[in-house]
PDB file of N, CA and C in Angstrom:
ATOM      1  N   UNK A   1      -0.973 -10.181 -32.569  1.00  0.00           N
ATOM      2  CA  UNK A   1      -0.036  -9.725 -31.548  1.00  0.00           C
ATOM      3  C   UNK A   1       0.018 -10.714 -30.392  1.00  0.00           C
ATOM      4  N   UNK A   2       1.165 -10.815 -29.831  1.00  0.00           N
ATOM      5  CA  UNK A   2       1.309 -11.657 -28.653  1.00  0.00           C
ATOM      6  C   UNK A   2       0.777 -10.912 -27.435  1.00  0.00           C
ATOM      7  N   UNK A   3       0.566 -11.634 -26.354  1.00  0.00           N
ATOM      8  CA  UNK A   3       0.014 -11.034 -25.137  1.00  0.00           C
ATOM      9  C   UNK A   3       0.894  -9.899 -24.604  1.00  0.00           C
ATOM     10  N   UNK A   4       2.218 -10.079 -24.585  1.00  0.00           N
ATOM     11  CA  UNK A   4       3.109  -9.043 -24.063  1.00  0.00           C
ATOM     12  C   UNK A   4       2.959  -7.754 -24.861  1.00  0.00           C
ATOM     13  N   UNK A   5       2.840  -7.865 -26.167  1.00  0.00           N
ATOM     14  CA  UNK A   5       2.701  -6.679 -27.008  1.00  0.00           C
ATOM     15  C   UNK A   5       1.365  -5.990 -26.771  1.00  0.00           C
ATOM     16  N   UNK A   6       0.310  -6.767 -26.565  1.00  0.00           N
ATOM     17  CA  UNK A   6      -1.005  -6.192 -26.253  1.00  0.00           C
ATOM     18  C   UNK A   6      -0.949  -5.410 -24.943  1.00  0.00           C
ATOM     19  N   UNK A   7      -0.326  -6.003 -23.947  1.00  0.00           N
ATOM     20  CA  UNK A   7      -0.236  -5.347 -22.637  1.00  0.00           C
ATOM     21  C   UNK A   7       0.591  -4.070 -22.734  1.00  0.00           C
ATOM     22  N   UNK A   8       1.733  -4.137 -23.405  1.00  0.00           N
ATOM     23  CA  UNK A   8       2.618  -2.975 -23.493  1.00  0.00           C
ATOM     24  C   UNK A   8       2.020  -1.842 -24.318  1.00  0.00           C
ATOM     25  N   UNK A   9       1.020  -2.138 -25.126  1.00  0.00           N
ATOM     26  CA  UNK A   9       0.361  -1.107 -25.929  1.00  0.00           C
ATOM     27  C   UNK A   9      -0.733  -0.381 -25.143  1.00  0.00           C
ATOM     28  N   UNK A  10      -1.115  -0.936 -23.988  1.00  0.00           N
ATOM     29  CA  UNK A  10      -2.206  -0.360 -23.200  1.00  0.00           C
ATOM     30  C   UNK A  10      -1.732   0.838 -22.378  1.00  0.00           C
ATOM     31  N   UNK A  11      -2.668   1.750 -22.127  1.00  0.00           N
ATOM     32  CA  UNK A  11      -2.377   2.881 -21.240  1.00  0.00           C
ATOM     33  C   UNK A  11      -2.615   2.494 -19.785  1.00  0.00           C
ATOM     34  N   UNK A  12      -3.695   1.799 -19.525  1.00  0.00           N
ATOM     35  CA  UNK A  12      -4.044   1.377 -18.167  1.00  0.00           C
ATOM     36  C   UNK A  12      -3.919  -0.136 -18.065  1.00  0.00           C
ATOM     37  N   UNK A  13      -3.226  -0.583 -17.024  1.00  0.00           N
ATOM     38  CA  UNK A  13      -2.986  -2.011 -16.846  1.00  0.00           C
ATOM     39  C   UNK A  13      -3.875  -2.582 -15.753  1.00  0.00           C
ATOM     40  N   UNK A  14      -4.306  -3.807 -15.958  1.00  0.00           N
ATOM     41  CA  UNK A  14      -5.091  -4.505 -14.941  1.00  0.00           C
ATOM     42  C   UNK A  14      -4.137  -5.197 -13.971  1.00  0.00           C
ATOM     43  N   UNK A  15      -4.697  -5.705 -12.910  1.00  0.00           N
ATOM     44  CA  UNK A  15      -3.908  -6.465 -11.934  1.00  0.00           C
ATOM     45  C   UNK A  15      -3.266  -7.673 -12.622  1.00  0.00           C
ATOM     46  N   UNK A  16      -4.033  -8.346 -13.460  1.00  0.00           N
ATOM     47  CA  UNK A  16      -3.522  -9.517 -14.181  1.00  0.00           C
ATOM     48  C   UNK A  16      -2.381  -9.133 -15.129  1.00  0.00           C
ATOM     49  N   UNK A  17      -2.521  -7.966 -15.776  1.00  0.00           N
ATOM     50  CA  UNK A  17      -1.443  -7.480 -16.644  1.00  0.00           C
ATOM     51  C   UNK A  17      -0.156  -7.295 -15.838  1.00  0.00           C
ATOM     52  N   UNK A  18      -0.281  -6.669 -14.679  1.00  0.00           N
ATOM     53  CA  UNK A  18       0.892  -6.415 -13.838  1.00  0.00           C
ATOM     54  C   UNK A  18       1.542  -7.713 -13.375  1.00  0.00           C
ATOM     55  N   UNK A  19       0.724  -8.670 -12.992  1.00  0.00           N
ATOM     56  CA  UNK A  19       1.261  -9.976 -12.581  1.00  0.00           C
ATOM     57  C   UNK A  19       2.018 -10.612 -13.744  1.00  0.00           C
ATOM     58  N   UNK A  20       1.436 -10.551 -14.922  1.00  0.00           N
ATOM     59  CA  UNK A  20       2.086 -11.114 -16.109  1.00  0.00           C
ATOM     60  C   UNK A  20       3.440 -10.443 -16.352  1.00  0.00           C
ATOM     61  N   UNK A  21       3.467  -9.103 -16.267  1.00  0.00           N
ATOM     62  CA  UNK A  21       4.713  -8.372 -16.516  1.00  0.00           C
ATOM     63  C   UNK A  21       5.769  -8.668 -15.455  1.00  0.00           C
ATOM     64  N   UNK A  22       5.352  -8.777 -14.212  1.00  0.00           N
ATOM     65  CA  UNK A  22       6.303  -9.080 -13.136  1.00  0.00           C
ATOM     66  C   UNK A  22       6.909 -10.474 -13.272  1.00  0.00           C
ATOM     67  N   UNK A  23       6.200 -11.363 -13.936  1.00  0.00           N
ATOM     68  CA  UNK A  23       6.685 -12.732 -14.122  1.00  0.00           C
ATOM     69  C   UNK A  23       7.374 -12.936 -15.475  1.00  0.00           C
ATOM     70  N   UNK A  24       7.523 -11.858 -16.232  1.00  0.00           N
ATOM     71  CA  UNK A  24       8.088 -11.961 -17.583  1.00  0.00           C
ATOM     72  C   UNK A  24       9.512 -12.519 -17.552  1.00  0.00           C
ATOM     73  N   UNK A  25       9.797 -13.353 -18.528  1.00  0.00           N
ATOM     74  CA  UNK A  25      11.130 -13.957 -18.667  1.00  0.00           C
ATOM     75  C   UNK A  25      11.524 -13.925 -20.143  1.00  0.00           C
ATOM     76  N   UNK A  26      12.798 -14.096 -20.402  1.00  0.00           N
ATOM     77  CA  UNK A  26      13.292 -14.228 -21.766  1.00  0.00           C
ATOM     78  C   UNK A  26      12.917 -13.076 -22.678  1.00  0.00           C
ATOM     79  N   UNK A  27      12.347 -13.417 -23.826  1.00  0.00           N
ATOM     80  CA  UNK A  27      11.993 -12.420 -24.837  1.00  0.00           C
ATOM     81  C   UNK A  27      10.935 -11.441 -24.329  1.00  0.00           C
ATOM     82  N   UNK A  28       9.972 -11.923 -23.537  1.00  0.00           N
ATOM     83  CA  UNK A  28       8.954 -11.025 -22.975  1.00  0.00           C
ATOM     84  C   UNK A  28       9.605  -9.983 -22.066  1.00  0.00           C
ATOM     85  N   UNK A  29      10.565 -10.406 -21.264  1.00  0.00           N
ATOM     86  CA  UNK A  29      11.250  -9.462 -20.368  1.00  0.00           C
ATOM     87  C   UNK A  29      12.038  -8.440 -21.183  1.00  0.00           C
ATOM     88  N   UNK A  30      12.692  -8.884 -22.239  1.00  0.00           N
ATOM     89  CA  UNK A  30      13.440  -7.961 -23.094  1.00  0.00           C
ATOM     90  C   UNK A  30      12.507  -6.907 -23.687  1.00  0.00           C
ATOM     91  N   UNK A  31      11.325  -7.331 -24.143  1.00  0.00           N
ATOM     92  CA  UNK A  31      10.351  -6.387 -24.698  1.00  0.00           C
ATOM     93  C   UNK A  31       9.845  -5.420 -23.634  1.00  0.00           C
ATOM     94  N   UNK A  32       9.638  -5.913 -22.424  1.00  0.00           N
ATOM     95  CA  UNK A  32       9.209  -5.055 -21.315  1.00  0.00           C
ATOM     96  C   UNK A  32      10.262  -3.989 -21.037  1.00  0.00           C
ATOM     97  N   UNK A  33      11.524  -4.383 -20.942  1.00  0.00           N
ATOM     98  CA  UNK A  33      12.602  -3.424 -20.673  1.00  0.00           C
ATOM     99  C   UNK A  33      12.754  -2.429 -21.816  1.00  0.00           C
ATOM    100  N   UNK A  34      12.598  -2.902 -23.037  1.00  0.00           N
ATOM    101  CA  UNK A  34      12.679  -2.021 -24.203  1.00  0.00           C
ATOM    102  C   UNK A  34      11.574  -0.964 -24.146  1.00  0.00           C
ATOM    103  N   UNK A  35      10.356  -1.390 -23.819  1.00  0.00           N
ATOM    104  CA  UNK A  35       9.225  -0.454 -23.731  1.00  0.00           C
ATOM    105  C   UNK A  35       9.413   0.519 -22.571  1.00  0.00           C
ATOM    106  N   UNK A  36       9.900   0.032 -21.428  1.00  0.00           N
ATOM    107  CA  UNK A  36      10.097   0.920 -20.278  1.00  0.00           C
ATOM    108  C   UNK A  36      11.159   1.970 -20.587  1.00  0.00           C
ATOM    109  N   UNK A  37      12.188   1.593 -21.313  1.00  0.00           N
ATOM    110  CA  UNK A  37      13.218   2.548 -21.714  1.00  0.00           C
ATOM    111  C   UNK A  37      12.639   3.601 -22.656  1.00  0.00           C
ATOM    112  N   UNK A  38      11.789   3.164 -23.562  1.00  0.00           N
ATOM    113  CA  UNK A  38      11.139   4.083 -24.500  1.00  0.00           C
ATOM    114  C   UNK A  38      10.263   5.091 -23.747  1.00  0.00           C
ATOM    115  N   UNK A  39       9.466   4.621 -22.799  1.00  0.00           N
ATOM    116  CA  UNK A  39       8.591   5.507 -22.020  1.00  0.00           C
ATOM    117  C   UNK A  39       9.430   6.502 -21.224  1.00  0.00           C
ATOM    118  N   UNK A  40      10.494   6.032 -20.592  1.00  0.00           N
ATOM    119  CA  UNK A  40      11.367   6.914 -19.808  1.00  0.00           C
ATOM    120  C   UNK A  40      11.940   8.022 -20.681  1.00  0.00           C
ATOM    121  N   UNK A  41      12.408   7.666 -21.885  1.00  0.00           N
ATOM    122  CA  UNK A  41      12.976   8.672 -22.786  1.00  0.00           C
ATOM    123  C   UNK A  41      11.923   9.674 -23.237  1.00  0.00           C
ATOM    124  N   UNK A  42      10.690   9.213 -23.445  1.00  0.00           N
ATOM    125  CA  UNK A  42       9.608  10.111 -23.854  1.00  0.00           C
ATOM    126  C   UNK A  42       9.215  11.061 -22.731  1.00  0.00           C
ATOM    127  N   UNK A  43       9.238  10.583 -21.499  1.00  0.00           N
ATOM    128  CA  UNK A  43       8.750  11.374 -20.365  1.00  0.00           C
ATOM    129  C   UNK A  43       9.822  12.300 -19.798  1.00  0.00           C
ATOM    130  N   UNK A  44      11.017  11.781 -19.545  1.00  0.00           N
ATOM    131  CA  UNK A  44      12.055  12.607 -18.907  1.00  0.00           C
ATOM    132  C   UNK A  44      13.303  12.775 -19.755  1.00  0.00           C
ATOM    133  N   UNK A  45      13.353  12.140 -20.898  1.00  0.00           N
ATOM    134  CA  UNK A  45      14.531  12.236 -21.747  1.00  0.00           C
ATOM    135  C   UNK A  45      15.564  11.189 -21.366  1.00  0.00           C
ATOM    136  N   UNK A  46      16.701  11.281 -22.026  1.00  0.00           N
ATOM    137  CA  UNK A  46      17.766  10.306 -21.790  1.00  0.00           C
ATOM    138  C   UNK A  46      18.731  10.862 -20.743  1.00  0.00           C
ATOM    139  N   UNK A  47      18.216  11.083 -19.544  1.00  0.00           N
ATOM    140  CA  UNK A  47      18.988  11.683 -18.457  1.00  0.00           C
ATOM    141  C   UNK A  47      18.878  10.811 -17.220  1.00  0.00           C
ATOM    142  N   UNK A  48      19.824  10.997 -16.341  1.00  0.00           N
ATOM    143  CA  UNK A  48      19.755  10.361 -15.019  1.00  0.00           C
ATOM    144  C   UNK A  48      19.460  11.449 -13.998  1.00  0.00           C
ATOM    145  N   UNK A  49      18.535  11.199 -13.101  1.00  0.00           N
ATOM    146  CA  UNK A  49      18.195  12.141 -12.047  1.00  0.00           C
ATOM    147  C   UNK A  49      18.633  11.563 -10.714  1.00  0.00           C
ATOM    148  N   UNK A  50      19.392  12.352  -9.971  1.00  0.00           N
ATOM    149  CA  UNK A  50      19.789  11.928  -8.636  1.00  0.00           C
ATOM    150  C   UNK A  50      18.695  12.294  -7.654  1.00  0.00           C
ATOM    151  N   UNK A  51      18.375  11.382  -6.787  1.00  0.00           N
ATOM    152  CA  UNK A  51      17.392  11.619  -5.740  1.00  0.00           C
ATOM    153  C   UNK A  51      18.060  11.264  -4.426  1.00  0.00           C
ATOM    154  N   UNK A  52      17.952  12.161  -3.462  1.00  0.00           N
ATOM    155  CA  UNK A  52      18.626  11.957  -2.185  1.00  0.00           C
ATOM    156  C   UNK A  52      17.688  11.405  -1.130  1.00  0.00           C
ATOM    157  N   UNK A  53      18.222  10.539  -0.299  1.00  0.00           N
ATOM    158  CA  UNK A  53      17.476  10.004   0.836  1.00  0.00           C
ATOM    159  C   UNK A  53      18.291  10.296   2.084  1.00  0.00           C
ATOM    160  N   UNK A  54      17.739  11.106   2.968  1.00  0.00           N
ATOM    161  CA  UNK A  54      18.400  11.431   4.225  1.00  0.00           C
ATOM    162  C   UNK A  54      17.638  10.709   5.324  1.00  0.00           C
ATOM    163  N   UNK A  55      18.233   9.651   5.830  1.00  0.00           N
ATOM    164  CA  UNK A  55      17.609   8.908   6.930  1.00  0.00           C
ATOM    165  C   UNK A  55      18.190   9.481   8.210  1.00  0.00           C
ATOM    166  N   UNK A  56      17.419  10.341   8.872  1.00  0.00           N
ATOM    167  CA  UNK A  56      17.979  11.074   9.999  1.00  0.00           C
ATOM    168  C   UNK A  56      17.906  10.332  11.313  1.00  0.00           C
ATOM    169  N   UNK A  57      17.233   9.211  11.343  1.00  0.00           N
ATOM    170  CA  UNK A  57      17.228   8.366  12.538  1.00  0.00           C
ATOM    171  C   UNK A  57      16.790   6.961  12.149  1.00  0.00           C
ATOM    172  N   UNK A  58      17.415   5.985  12.776  1.00  0.00           N
ATOM    173  CA  UNK A  58      16.954   4.613  12.561  1.00  0.00           C
ATOM    174  C   UNK A  58      16.426   4.023  13.866  1.00  0.00           C
ATOM    175  N   UNK A  59      16.052   4.900  14.765  1.00  0.00           N
ATOM    176  CA  UNK A  59      15.415   4.480  16.014  1.00  0.00           C
ATOM    177  C   UNK A  59      13.927   4.321  15.719  1.00  0.00           C
ATOM    178  N   UNK A  60      13.381   3.151  16.040  1.00  0.00           N
ATOM    179  CA  UNK A  60      11.999   2.873  15.665  1.00  0.00           C
ATOM    180  C   UNK A  60      11.276   2.135  16.781  1.00  0.00           C
ATOM    181  N   UNK A  61      10.027   2.505  16.990  1.00  0.00           N
ATOM    182  CA  UNK A  61       9.215   1.845  18.018  1.00  0.00           C
ATOM    183  C   UNK A  61       8.411   0.673  17.454  1.00  0.00           C
ATOM    184  N   UNK A  62       8.397   0.535  16.138  1.00  0.00           N
ATOM    185  CA  UNK A  62       7.640  -0.539  15.489  1.00  0.00           C
ATOM    186  C   UNK A  62       8.507  -1.791  15.372  1.00  0.00           C
ATOM    187  N   UNK A  63       7.867  -2.930  15.167  1.00  0.00           N
ATOM    188  CA  UNK A  63       8.601  -4.184  15.065  1.00  0.00           C
ATOM    189  C   UNK A  63       8.189  -4.953  13.806  1.00  0.00           C
ATOM    190  N   UNK A  64       8.204  -4.258  12.675  1.00  0.00           N
ATOM    191  CA  UNK A  64       7.819  -4.863  11.400  1.00  0.00           C
ATOM    192  C   UNK A  64       8.869  -5.905  11.011  1.00  0.00           C
ATOM    193  N   UNK A  65       8.441  -7.143  10.819  1.00  0.00           N
ATOM    194  CA  UNK A  65       9.381  -8.242  10.596  1.00  0.00           C
ATOM    195  C   UNK A  65      10.222  -8.085   9.333  1.00  0.00           C
ATOM    196  N   UNK A  66       9.721  -7.377   8.327  1.00  0.00           N
ATOM    197  CA  UNK A  66      10.459  -7.208   7.080  1.00  0.00           C
ATOM    198  C   UNK A  66      11.547  -6.142   7.170  1.00  0.00           C
ATOM    199  N   UNK A  67      11.554  -5.347   8.241  1.00  0.00           N
ATOM    200  CA  UNK A  67      12.389  -4.150   8.299  1.00  0.00           C
ATOM    201  C   UNK A  67      13.687  -4.373   9.076  1.00  0.00           C
ATOM    202  N   UNK A  68      14.784  -3.924   8.512  1.00  0.00           N
ATOM    203  CA  UNK A  68      16.084  -4.068   9.152  1.00  0.00           C
ATOM    204  C   UNK A  68      16.275  -3.204  10.377  1.00  0.00           C
ATOM    205  N   UNK A  69      15.498  -2.127  10.515  1.00  0.00           N
ATOM    206  CA  UNK A  69      15.648  -1.263  11.697  1.00  0.00           C
ATOM    207  C   UNK A  69      14.530  -1.487  12.716  1.00  0.00           C
ATOM    208  N   UNK A  70      13.855  -2.615  12.621  1.00  0.00           N
ATOM    209  CA  UNK A  70      12.770  -2.906  13.564  1.00  0.00           C
ATOM    210  C   UNK A  70      13.303  -2.886  15.000  1.00  0.00           C
ATOM    211  N   UNK A  71      12.408  -2.597  15.906  1.00  0.00           N
ATOM    212  CA  UNK A  71      12.739  -2.422  17.318  1.00  0.00           C
ATOM    213  C   UNK A  71      13.529  -3.599  17.903  1.00  0.00           C
ATOM    214  N   UNK A  72      13.159  -4.819  17.561  1.00  0.00           N
ATOM    215  CA  UNK A  72      13.786  -5.997  18.165  1.00  0.00           C
ATOM    216  C   UNK A  72      15.153  -6.348  17.573  1.00  0.00           C
ATOM    217  N   UNK A  73      15.577  -5.657  16.518  1.00  0.00           N
ATOM    218  CA  UNK A  73      16.884  -5.938  15.920  1.00  0.00           C
ATOM    219  C   UNK A  73      17.972  -5.286  16.774  1.00  0.00           C
ATOM    220  N   UNK A  74      18.612  -6.087  17.593  1.00  0.00           N
ATOM    221  CA  UNK A  74      19.637  -5.571  18.505  1.00  0.00           C
ATOM    222  C   UNK A  74      21.013  -5.495  17.854  1.00  0.00           C
ATOM    223  N   UNK A  75      21.138  -5.945  16.616  1.00  0.00           N
ATOM    224  CA  UNK A  75      22.433  -5.950  15.935  1.00  0.00           C
ATOM    225  C   UNK A  75      22.726  -4.648  15.192  1.00  0.00           C
ATOM    226  N   UNK A  76      21.722  -3.804  15.043  1.00  0.00           N
ATOM    227  CA  UNK A  76      21.904  -2.571  14.282  1.00  0.00           C
ATOM    228  C   UNK A  76      22.392  -1.452  15.204  1.00  0.00           C
ATOM    229  N   UNK A  77      23.338  -0.652  14.704  1.00  0.00           N
ATOM    230  CA  UNK A  77      23.811   0.523  15.435  1.00  0.00           C
ATOM    231  C   UNK A  77      22.763   1.618  15.287  1.00  0.00           C
ATOM    232  N   UNK A  78      22.239   2.104  16.384  1.00  0.00           N
ATOM    233  CA  UNK A  78      21.196   3.141  16.346  1.00  0.00           C
ATOM    234  C   UNK A  78      21.830   4.525  16.315  1.00  0.00           C
ATOM    235  N   UNK A  79      21.210   5.417  15.575  1.00  0.00           N
ATOM    236  CA  UNK A  79      21.720   6.788  15.499  1.00  0.00           C
ATOM    237  C   UNK A  79      20.562   7.762  15.317  1.00  0.00           C
ATOM    238  N   UNK A  80      20.845   9.008  15.597  1.00  0.00           N
ATOM    239  CA  UNK A  80      19.909  10.102  15.342  1.00  0.00           C
ATOM    240  C   UNK A  80      20.737  11.305  14.924  1.00  0.00           C
ATOM    241  N   UNK A  81      20.551  11.759  13.697  1.00  0.00           N
ATOM    242  CA  UNK A  81      21.310  12.892  13.175  1.00  0.00           C
ATOM    243  C   UNK A  81      20.840  14.186  13.830  1.00  0.00           C
ATOM    244  N   UNK A  82      21.765  15.108  13.971  1.00  0.00           N
ATOM    245  CA  UNK A  82      21.413  16.431  14.490  1.00  0.00           C
ATOM    246  C   UNK A  82      20.751  17.233  13.373  1.00  0.00           C
ATOM    247  N   UNK A  83      20.088  18.317  13.743  1.00  0.00           N
ATOM    248  CA  UNK A  83      19.494  19.188  12.729  1.00  0.00           C
ATOM    249  C   UNK A  83      20.571  19.701  11.775  1.00  0.00           C
ATOM    250  N   UNK A  84      21.744  20.025  12.313  1.00  0.00           N
ATOM    251  CA  UNK A  84      22.843  20.521  11.479  1.00  0.00           C
ATOM    252  C   UNK A  84      23.285  19.459  10.466  1.00  0.00           C
ATOM    253  N   UNK A  85      23.384  18.210  10.888  1.00  0.00           N
ATOM    254  CA  UNK A  85      23.771  17.130   9.972  1.00  0.00           C
ATOM    255  C   UNK A  85      22.731  16.937   8.868  1.00  0.00           C
ATOM    256  N   UNK A  86      21.475  17.050   9.226  1.00  0.00           N
ATOM    257  CA  UNK A  86      20.399  16.918   8.237  1.00  0.00           C
ATOM    258  C   UNK A  86      20.497  18.043   7.211  1.00  0.00           C
ATOM    259  N   UNK A  87      20.687  19.271   7.688  1.00  0.00           N
ATOM    260  CA  UNK A  87      20.797  20.417   6.782  1.00  0.00           C
ATOM    261  C   UNK A  87      22.035  20.310   5.897  1.00  0.00           C
ATOM    262  N   UNK A  88      23.140  19.811   6.443  1.00  0.00           N
ATOM    263  CA  UNK A  88      24.353  19.615   5.637  1.00  0.00           C
ATOM    264  C   UNK A  88      24.099  18.611   4.511  1.00  0.00           C
ATOM    265  N   UNK A  89      23.401  17.530   4.814  1.00  0.00           N
ATOM    266  CA  UNK A  89      23.094  16.524   3.797  1.00  0.00           C
ATOM    267  C   UNK A  89      22.189  17.112   2.717  1.00  0.00           C
ATOM    268  N   UNK A  90      21.205  17.891   3.126  1.00  0.00           N
ATOM    269  CA  UNK A  90      20.298  18.523   2.160  1.00  0.00           C
ATOM    270  C   UNK A  90      21.037  19.560   1.322  1.00  0.00           C
ATOM    271  N   UNK A  91      21.949  20.306   1.946  1.00  0.00           N
ATOM    272  CA  UNK A  91      22.748  21.291   1.223  1.00  0.00           C
ATOM    273  C   UNK A  91      23.630  20.603   0.177  1.00  0.00           C
ATOM    274  N   UNK A  92      24.217  19.471   0.552  1.00  0.00           N
ATOM    275  CA  UNK A  92      25.019  18.693  -0.395  1.00  0.00           C
ATOM    276  C   UNK A  92      24.171  18.305  -1.610  1.00  0.00           C
ATOM    277  N   UNK A  93      22.979  17.815  -1.347  1.00  0.00           N
ATOM    278  CA  UNK A  93      22.083  17.410  -2.437  1.00  0.00           C
ATOM    279  C   UNK A  93      21.735  18.603  -3.323  1.00  0.00           C
ATOM    280  N   UNK A  94      21.479  19.750  -2.710  1.00  0.00           N
ATOM    281  CA  UNK A  94      21.142  20.957  -3.472  1.00  0.00           C
ATOM    282  C   UNK A  94      22.326  21.401  -4.334  1.00  0.00           C
ATOM    283  N   UNK A  95      23.513  21.469  -3.737  1.00  0.00           N
ATOM    284  CA  UNK A  95      24.705  21.908  -4.466  1.00  0.00           C
ATOM    285  C   UNK A  95      25.052  20.962  -5.611  1.00  0.00           C
ATOM    286  N   UNK A  96      24.696  19.707  -5.462  1.00  0.00           N
ATOM    287  CA  UNK A  96      25.005  18.720  -6.490  1.00  0.00           C
ATOM    288  C   UNK A  96      23.825  18.431  -7.412  1.00  0.00           C
ATOM    289  N   UNK A  97      22.839  19.300  -7.354  1.00  0.00           N
ATOM    290  CA  UNK A  97      21.701  19.298  -8.275  1.00  0.00           C
ATOM    291  C   UNK A  97      20.878  18.019  -8.236  1.00  0.00           C
ATOM    292  N   UNK A  98      20.678  17.486  -7.031  1.00  0.00           N
ATOM    293  CA  UNK A  98      19.779  16.344  -6.897  1.00  0.00           C
ATOM    294  C   UNK A  98      18.374  16.814  -7.257  1.00  0.00           C
ATOM    295  N   UNK A  99      17.600  15.962  -7.897  1.00  0.00           N
ATOM    296  CA  UNK A  99      16.254  16.336  -8.323  1.00  0.00           C
ATOM    297  C   UNK A  99      15.296  16.451  -7.144  1.00  0.00           C
ATOM    298  N   UNK A 100      15.543  15.680  -6.089  1.00  0.00           N
ATOM    299  CA  UNK A 100      14.681  15.744  -4.909  1.00  0.00           C
ATOM    300  C   UNK A 100      15.411  15.136  -3.721  1.00  0.00           C
ATOM    301  N   UNK A 101      14.904  15.447  -2.553  1.00  0.00           N
ATOM    302  CA  UNK A 101      15.434  14.881  -1.313  1.00  0.00           C
ATOM    303  C   UNK A 101      14.256  14.401  -0.479  1.00  0.00           C
ATOM    304  N   UNK A 102      14.376  13.208   0.068  1.00  0.00           N
ATOM    305  CA  UNK A 102      13.359  12.649   0.959  1.00  0.00           C
ATOM    306  C   UNK A 102      13.974  12.529   2.343  1.00  0.00           C
ATOM    307  N   UNK A 103      13.283  13.047   3.338  1.00  0.00           N
ATOM    308  CA  UNK A 103      13.707  12.870   4.727  1.00  0.00           C
ATOM    309  C   UNK A 103      12.966  11.672   5.283  1.00  0.00           C
ATOM    310  N   UNK A 104      13.700  10.765   5.910  1.00  0.00           N
ATOM    311  CA  UNK A 104      13.113   9.515   6.381  1.00  0.00           C
ATOM    312  C   UNK A 104      13.652   9.188   7.758  1.00  0.00           C
ATOM    313  N   UNK A 105      12.843   8.477   8.522  1.00  0.00           N
ATOM    314  CA  UNK A 105      13.237   8.096   9.872  1.00  0.00           C
ATOM    315  C   UNK A 105      12.478   6.853  10.285  1.00  0.00           C
ATOM    316  N   UNK A 106      12.987   6.206  11.328  1.00  0.00           N
ATOM    317  CA  UNK A 106      12.199   5.175  11.977  1.00  0.00           C
ATOM    318  C   UNK A 106      10.963   5.828  12.576  1.00  0.00           C
ATOM    319  N   UNK A 107       9.981   5.026  12.948  1.00  0.00           N
ATOM    320  CA  UNK A 107       8.728   5.567  13.481  1.00  0.00           C
ATOM    321  C   UNK A 107       8.781   5.692  14.994  1.00  0.00           C
ATOM    322  N   UNK A 108       8.505   6.888  15.457  1.00  0.00           N
ATOM    323  CA  UNK A 108       8.388   7.169  16.887  1.00  0.00           C
ATOM    324  C   UNK A 108       7.144   8.017  17.095  1.00  0.00           C
ATOM    325  N   UNK A 109       6.583   7.963  18.282  1.00  0.00           N
ATOM    326  CA  UNK A 109       5.377   8.763  18.548  1.00  0.00           C
ATOM    327  C   UNK A 109       5.534   9.647  19.777  1.00  0.00           C
ATOM    328  N   UNK A 110       6.756   9.823  20.242  1.00  0.00           N
ATOM    329  CA  UNK A 110       6.964  10.679  21.412  1.00  0.00           C
ATOM    330  C   UNK A 110       6.653  12.127  21.043  1.00  0.00           C
ATOM    331  N   UNK A 111       6.203  12.929  22.003  1.00  0.00           N
ATOM    332  CA  UNK A 111       5.919  14.340  21.723  1.00  0.00           C
ATOM    333  C   UNK A 111       7.137  15.087  21.170  1.00  0.00           C
ATOM    334  N   UNK A 112       8.330  14.794  21.691  1.00  0.00           N
ATOM    335  CA  UNK A 112       9.535  15.480  21.218  1.00  0.00           C
ATOM    336  C   UNK A 112       9.808  15.160  19.746  1.00  0.00           C
ATOM    337  N   UNK A 113       9.674  13.894  19.373  1.00  0.00           N
ATOM    338  CA  UNK A 113       9.916  13.497  17.986  1.00  0.00           C
ATOM    339  C   UNK A 113       8.855  14.100  17.068  1.00  0.00           C
ATOM    340  N   UNK A 114       7.606  14.017  17.478  1.00  0.00           N
ATOM    341  CA  UNK A 114       6.512  14.564  16.673  1.00  0.00           C
ATOM    342  C   UNK A 114       6.699  16.058  16.448  1.00  0.00           C
ATOM    343  N   UNK A 115       7.116  16.776  17.482  1.00  0.00           N
ATOM    344  CA  UNK A 115       7.346  18.217  17.354  1.00  0.00           C
ATOM    345  C   UNK A 115       8.504  18.489  16.392  1.00  0.00           C
ATOM    346  N   UNK A 116       9.542  17.677  16.471  1.00  0.00           N
ATOM    347  CA  UNK A 116      10.717  17.883  15.620  1.00  0.00           C
ATOM    348  C   UNK A 116      10.387  17.716  14.142  1.00  0.00           C
ATOM    349  N   UNK A 117       9.599  16.740  13.796  1.00  0.00           N
ATOM    350  CA  UNK A 117       9.329  16.478  12.380  1.00  0.00           C
ATOM    351  C   UNK A 117       8.118  17.236  11.845  1.00  0.00           C
ATOM    352  N   UNK A 118       7.372  17.873  12.712  1.00  0.00           N
ATOM    353  CA  UNK A 118       6.164  18.600  12.277  1.00  0.00           C
ATOM    354  C   UNK A 118       6.508  19.871  11.526  1.00  0.00           C
TER     355      UNK A 118
END
């Protein structure tokens, strides 16, 4: 067996296995995608699941360089959704049979924000 086939046959992957798979190209990549499709069909079937993401605020006190909503980014339009807008978005997801909804926001530590999300 080739290395890709050995790795794809394993239940638990090592760090080196993961690095190898992430760098896969050509035929190895095709085999990886084929195996991932097989696992998906075995676990959840041949279905698509919608997952909702409700970002209720992009106001953030952090300045993470990788993040588009970081504090120092003055080019982004800042917003904060109302509770009603958040509930409407969640209701839409429920009515349309989304499998899950994640509520997300920029990071703030003010007492008002902490109380709201608690």
